[in-house]
């Protein structure tokens, strides 16, 4: 298989995941976010200068 085609397919797959992630955030759509995150993923954010972490199970 053509290496350029493989790279293009991988790039398209990443772009699709990013679109699902941002759509999920924008719409507060838990089902979309569950498709994007690995079951053991951790979500990190900062608020008022303090770090906060949560596992996917608690967030979603």
PDB file of N, CA and C in Angstrom:
ATOM      1  N   UNK A   1       0.845  -1.191   0.000  1.00  0.00           N
ATOM      2  CA  UNK A   1       0.000   0.000   0.000  1.00  0.00           C
ATOM      3  C   UNK A   1       0.884   1.247   0.000  1.00  0.00           C
ATOM      4  N   UNK A   2       0.425   2.273  -0.622  1.00  0.00           N
ATOM      5  CA  UNK A   2       1.151   3.530  -0.773  1.00  0.00           C
ATOM      6  C   UNK A   2       1.302   4.223   0.589  1.00  0.00           C
ATOM      7  N   UNK A   3       2.543   4.504   1.016  1.00  0.00           N
ATOM      8  CA  UNK A   3       2.762   5.166   2.312  1.00  0.00           C
ATOM      9  C   UNK A   3       2.043   6.509   2.436  1.00  0.00           C
ATOM     10  N   UNK A   4       1.959   7.250   1.333  1.00  0.00           N
ATOM     11  CA  UNK A   4       1.260   8.544   1.386  1.00  0.00           C
ATOM     12  C   UNK A   4      -0.230   8.360   1.645  1.00  0.00           C
ATOM     13  N   UNK A   5      -0.797   7.302   1.082  1.00  0.00           N
ATOM     14  CA  UNK A   5      -2.208   7.016   1.294  1.00  0.00           C
ATOM     15  C   UNK A   5      -2.462   6.613   2.748  1.00  0.00           C
ATOM     16  N   UNK A   6      -1.563   5.806   3.304  1.00  0.00           N
ATOM     17  CA  UNK A   6      -1.689   5.404   4.708  1.00  0.00           C
ATOM     18  C   UNK A   6      -1.622   6.629   5.607  1.00  0.00           C
ATOM     19  N   UNK A   7      -0.670   7.503   5.354  1.00  0.00           N
ATOM     20  CA  UNK A   7      -0.526   8.723   6.148  1.00  0.00           C
ATOM     21  C   UNK A   7      -1.779   9.592   6.046  1.00  0.00           C
ATOM     22  N   UNK A   8      -2.327   9.705   4.846  1.00  0.00           N
ATOM     23  CA  UNK A   8      -3.539  10.498   4.660  1.00  0.00           C
ATOM     24  C   UNK A   8      -4.721   9.898   5.416  1.00  0.00           C
ATOM     25  N   UNK A   9      -4.836   8.576   5.408  1.00  0.00           N
ATOM     26  CA  UNK A   9      -5.921   7.908   6.130  1.00  0.00           C
ATOM     27  C   UNK A   9      -5.777   8.106   7.637  1.00  0.00           C
ATOM     28  N   UNK A  10      -4.553   8.014   8.136  1.00  0.00           N
ATOM     29  CA  UNK A  10      -4.313   8.231   9.561  1.00  0.00           C
ATOM     30  C   UNK A  10      -4.624   9.674   9.951  1.00  0.00           C
ATOM     31  N   UNK A  11      -4.220  10.606   9.117  1.00  0.00           N
ATOM     32  CA  UNK A  11      -4.500  12.021   9.357  1.00  0.00           C
ATOM     33  C   UNK A  11      -6.010  12.252   9.406  1.00  0.00           C
ATOM     34  N   UNK A  12      -6.732  11.687   8.441  1.00  0.00           N
ATOM     35  CA  UNK A  12      -8.190  11.840   8.399  1.00  0.00           C
ATOM     36  C   UNK A  12      -8.846  11.255   9.647  1.00  0.00           C
ATOM     37  N   UNK A  13      -8.315  10.132  10.140  1.00  0.00           N
ATOM     38  CA  UNK A  13      -8.865   9.498  11.341  1.00  0.00           C
ATOM     39  C   UNK A  13      -8.678  10.403  12.564  1.00  0.00           C
ATOM     40  N   UNK A  14      -7.520  11.038  12.664  1.00  0.00           N
ATOM     41  CA  UNK A  14      -7.256  11.960  13.779  1.00  0.00           C
ATOM     42  C   UNK A  14      -8.178  13.173  13.691  1.00  0.00           C
ATOM     43  N   UNK A  15      -8.331  13.724  12.506  1.00  0.00           N
ATOM     44  CA  UNK A  15      -9.211  14.879  12.313  1.00  0.00           C
ATOM     45  C   UNK A  15     -10.646  14.521  12.692  1.00  0.00           C
ATOM     46  N   UNK A  16     -11.102  13.326  12.318  1.00  0.00           N
ATOM     47  CA  UNK A  16     -12.449  12.878  12.664  1.00  0.00           C
ATOM     48  C   UNK A  16     -12.628  12.788  14.181  1.00  0.00           C
ATOM     49  N   UNK A  17     -11.623  12.249  14.878  1.00  0.00           N
ATOM     50  CA  UNK A  17     -11.702  12.171  16.345  1.00  0.00           C
ATOM     51  C   UNK A  17     -11.745  13.558  16.979  1.00  0.00           C
ATOM     52  N   UNK A  18     -10.946  14.473  16.458  1.00  0.00           N
ATOM     53  CA  UNK A  18     -10.955  15.838  16.995  1.00  0.00           C
ATOM     54  C   UNK A  18     -12.309  16.504  16.782  1.00  0.00           C
ATOM     55  N   UNK A  19     -12.907  16.279  15.620  1.00  0.00           N
ATOM     56  CA  UNK A  19     -14.235  16.837  15.355  1.00  0.00           C
ATOM     57  C   UNK A  19     -15.261  16.280  16.341  1.00  0.00           C
ATOM     58  N   UNK A  20     -15.202  14.965  16.588  1.00  0.00           N
ATOM     59  CA  UNK A  20     -16.122  14.356  17.550  1.00  0.00           C
ATOM     60  C   UNK A  20     -15.909  14.928  18.950  1.00  0.00           C
ATOM     61  N   UNK A  21     -14.646  15.117  19.330  1.00  0.00           N
ATOM     62  CA  UNK A  21     -14.323  15.669  20.646  1.00  0.00           C
ATOM     63  C   UNK A  21     -14.908  17.077  20.802  1.00  0.00           C
ATOM     64  N   UNK A  22     -14.642  17.948  19.837  1.00  0.00           N
ATOM     65  CA  UNK A  22     -15.139  19.316  19.949  1.00  0.00           C
ATOM     66  C   UNK A  22     -16.661  19.387  19.830  1.00  0.00           C
ATOM     67  N   UNK A  23     -17.246  18.549  18.990  1.00  0.00           N
ATOM     68  CA  UNK A  23     -18.712  18.494  18.916  1.00  0.00           C
ATOM     69  C   UNK A  23     -19.290  18.023  20.247  1.00  0.00           C
ATOM     70  N   UNK A  24     -18.655  17.027  20.845  1.00  0.00           N
ATOM     71  CA  UNK A  24     -19.110  16.525  22.139  1.00  0.00           C
ATOM     72  C   UNK A  24     -19.040  17.582  23.221  1.00  0.00           C
ATOM     73  N   UNK A  25     -17.945  18.348  23.238  1.00  0.00           N
ATOM     74  CA  UNK A  25     -17.822  19.428  24.221  1.00  0.00           C
ATOM     75  C   UNK A  25     -18.861  20.514  23.975  1.00  0.00           C
ATOM     76  N   UNK A  26     -18.995  20.923  22.727  1.00  0.00           N
ATOM     77  CA  UNK A  26     -19.915  22.006  22.382  1.00  0.00           C
ATOM     78  C   UNK A  26     -21.361  21.647  22.714  1.00  0.00           C
ATOM     79  N   UNK A  27     -21.729  20.406  22.423  1.00  0.00           N
ATOM     80  CA  UNK A  27     -23.112  19.970  22.631  1.00  0.00           C
ATOM     81  C   UNK A  27     -23.355  19.311  23.983  1.00  0.00           C
ATOM     82  N   UNK A  28     -22.285  19.191  24.771  1.00  0.00           N
ATOM     83  CA  UNK A  28     -22.365  18.453  26.045  1.00  0.00           C
ATOM     84  C   UNK A  28     -22.933  17.057  25.797  1.00  0.00           C
ATOM     85  N   UNK A  29     -22.436  16.424  24.735  1.00  0.00           N
ATOM     86  CA  UNK A  29     -22.917  15.113  24.306  1.00  0.00           C
ATOM     87  C   UNK A  29     -21.987  14.026  24.840  1.00  0.00           C
ATOM     88  N   UNK A  30     -22.416  13.392  25.914  1.00  0.00           N
ATOM     89  CA  UNK A  30     -21.593  12.380  26.575  1.00  0.00           C
ATOM     90  C   UNK A  30     -21.329  11.192  25.655  1.00  0.00           C
ATOM     91  N   UNK A  31     -22.296  10.816  24.837  1.00  0.00           N
ATOM     92  CA  UNK A  31     -22.095   9.657  23.962  1.00  0.00           C
ATOM     93  C   UNK A  31     -20.979   9.916  22.946  1.00  0.00           C
ATOM     94  N   UNK A  32     -20.859  11.130  22.448  1.00  0.00           N
ATOM     95  CA  UNK A  32     -19.758  11.460  21.537  1.00  0.00           C
ATOM     96  C   UNK A  32     -18.416  11.440  22.264  1.00  0.00           C
ATOM     97  N   UNK A  33     -18.379  11.987  23.457  1.00  0.00           N
ATOM     98  CA  UNK A  33     -17.131  12.027  24.211  1.00  0.00           C
ATOM     99  C   UNK A  33     -16.670  10.619  24.599  1.00  0.00           C
ATOM    100  N   UNK A  34     -17.598   9.737  24.905  1.00  0.00           N
ATOM    101  CA  UNK A  34     -17.232   8.360  25.247  1.00  0.00           C
ATOM    102  C   UNK A  34     -16.573   7.650  24.072  1.00  0.00           C
ATOM    103  N   UNK A  35     -16.937   8.008  22.857  1.00  0.00           N
ATOM    104  CA  UNK A  35     -16.331   7.397  21.672  1.00  0.00           C
ATOM    105  C   UNK A  35     -14.888   7.838  21.488  1.00  0.00           C
ATOM    106  N   UNK A  36     -14.562   9.030  21.966  1.00  0.00           N
ATOM    107  CA  UNK A  36     -13.244   9.614  21.740  1.00  0.00           C
ATOM    108  C   UNK A  36     -12.249   9.201  22.820  1.00  0.00           C
ATOM    109  N   UNK A  37     -12.684   9.142  24.064  1.00  0.00           N
ATOM    110  CA  UNK A  37     -11.780   8.877  25.176  1.00  0.00           C
ATOM    111  C   UNK A  37     -11.577   7.386  25.413  1.00  0.00           C
ATOM    112  N   UNK A  38     -10.360   7.013  25.720  1.00  0.00           N
ATOM    113  CA  UNK A  38     -10.043   5.658  26.156  1.00  0.00           C
ATOM    114  C   UNK A  38     -10.695   5.458  27.521  1.00  0.00           C
ATOM    115  N   UNK A  39     -11.175   4.246  27.833  1.00  0.00           N
ATOM    116  CA  UNK A  39     -11.845   4.014  29.118  1.00  0.00           C
ATOM    117  C   UNK A  39     -11.009   4.380  30.349  1.00  0.00           C
ATOM    118  N   UNK A  40      -9.693   4.321  30.239  1.00  0.00           N
ATOM    119  CA  UNK A  40      -8.843   4.651  31.391  1.00  0.00           C
ATOM    120  C   UNK A  40      -8.219   6.037  31.276  1.00  0.00           C
ATOM    121  N   UNK A  41      -8.695   6.836  30.342  1.00  0.00           N
ATOM    122  CA  UNK A  41      -8.151   8.181  30.148  1.00  0.00           C
ATOM    123  C   UNK A  41      -8.447   9.065  31.350  1.00  0.00           C
ATOM    124  N   UNK A  42      -7.582  10.029  31.570  1.00  0.00           N
ATOM    125  CA  UNK A  42      -7.801  11.024  32.613  1.00  0.00           C
ATOM    126  C   UNK A  42      -7.899  12.385  31.958  1.00  0.00           C
ATOM    127  N   UNK A  43      -8.799  13.196  32.470  1.00  0.00           N
ATOM    128  CA  UNK A  43      -9.034  14.528  31.928  1.00  0.00           C
ATOM    129  C   UNK A  43      -8.473  15.534  32.920  1.00  0.00           C
ATOM    130  N   UNK A  44      -7.585  16.399  32.467  1.00  0.00           N
ATOM    131  CA  UNK A  44      -6.959  17.399  33.328  1.00  0.00           C
ATOM    132  C   UNK A  44      -7.436  18.782  32.926  1.00  0.00           C
ATOM    133  N   UNK A  45      -7.662  19.618  33.911  1.00  0.00           N
ATOM    134  CA  UNK A  45      -8.048  20.996  33.661  1.00  0.00           C
ATOM    135  C   UNK A  45      -7.509  21.863  34.795  1.00  0.00           C
ATOM    136  N   UNK A  46      -7.507  23.143  34.595  1.00  0.00           N
ATOM    137  CA  UNK A  46      -7.063  24.070  35.631  1.00  0.00           C
ATOM    138  C   UNK A  46      -8.135  25.127  35.820  1.00  0.00           C
ATOM    139  N   UNK A  47      -8.370  25.475  37.068  1.00  0.00           N
ATOM    140  CA  UNK A  47      -9.359  26.490  37.391  1.00  0.00           C
ATOM    141  C   UNK A  47      -8.826  27.324  38.534  1.00  0.00           C
ATOM    142  N   UNK A  48      -8.832  28.615  38.367  1.00  0.00           N
ATOM    143  CA  UNK A  48      -8.326  29.536  39.399  1.00  0.00           C
ATOM    144  C   UNK A  48      -6.900  29.188  39.820  1.00  0.00           C
ATOM    145  N   UNK A  49      -6.103  28.720  38.859  1.00  0.00           N
ATOM    146  CA  UNK A  49      -4.711  28.428  39.146  1.00  0.00           C
ATOM    147  C   UNK A  49      -4.466  27.106  39.826  1.00  0.00           C
ATOM    148  N   UNK A  50      -5.509  26.357  40.138  1.00  0.00           N
ATOM    149  CA  UNK A  50      -5.340  25.062  40.784  1.00  0.00           C
ATOM    150  C   UNK A  50      -5.662  23.958  39.790  1.00  0.00           C
ATOM    151  N   UNK A  51      -4.827  22.930  39.773  1.00  0.00           N
ATOM    152  CA  UNK A  51      -5.059  21.814  38.869  1.00  0.00           C
ATOM    153  C   UNK A  51      -6.159  20.909  39.382  1.00  0.00           C
ATOM    154  N   UNK A  52      -6.858  20.289  38.483  1.00  0.00           N
ATOM    155  CA  UNK A  52      -7.899  19.355  38.848  1.00  0.00           C
ATOM    156  C   UNK A  52      -7.812  18.183  37.869  1.00  0.00           C
ATOM    157  N   UNK A  53      -7.996  16.983  38.341  1.00  0.00           N
ATOM    158  CA  UNK A  53      -7.989  15.824  37.464  1.00  0.00           C
ATOM    159  C   UNK A  53      -9.221  14.973  37.760  1.00  0.00           C
ATOM    160  N   UNK A  54      -9.667  14.276  36.760  1.00  0.00           N
ATOM    161  CA  UNK A  54     -10.796  13.388  36.934  1.00  0.00           C
ATOM    162  C   UNK A  54     -10.688  12.273  35.926  1.00  0.00           C
ATOM    163  N   UNK A  55     -11.085  11.071  36.312  1.00  0.00           N
ATOM    164  CA  UNK A  55     -11.091   9.982  35.347  1.00  0.00           C
ATOM    165  C   UNK A  55     -12.334  10.095  34.496  1.00  0.00           C
ATOM    166  N   UNK A  56     -12.332   9.436  33.372  1.00  0.00           N
ATOM    167  CA  UNK A  56     -13.455   9.492  32.448  1.00  0.00           C
ATOM    168  C   UNK A  56     -14.730   9.014  33.126  1.00  0.00           C
ATOM    169  N   UNK A  57     -14.631   7.995  33.927  1.00  0.00           N
ATOM    170  CA  UNK A  57     -15.827   7.430  34.575  1.00  0.00           C
ATOM    171  C   UNK A  57     -16.543   8.478  35.417  1.00  0.00           C
ATOM    172  N   UNK A  58     -15.797   9.309  36.104  1.00  0.00           N
ATOM    173  CA  UNK A  58     -16.425  10.322  36.944  1.00  0.00           C
ATOM    174  C   UNK A  58     -16.937  11.499  36.113  1.00  0.00           C
ATOM    175  N   UNK A  59     -16.259  11.806  35.026  1.00  0.00           N
ATOM    176  CA  UNK A  59     -16.662  12.941  34.202  1.00  0.00           C
ATOM    177  C   UNK A  59     -17.818  12.549  33.301  1.00  0.00           C
ATOM    178  N   UNK A  60     -17.707  11.378  32.676  1.00  0.00           N
ATOM    179  CA  UNK A  60     -18.712  10.947  31.721  1.00  0.00           C
ATOM    180  C   UNK A  60     -19.629   9.945  32.375  1.00  0.00           C
TER     181      UNK A  60
END
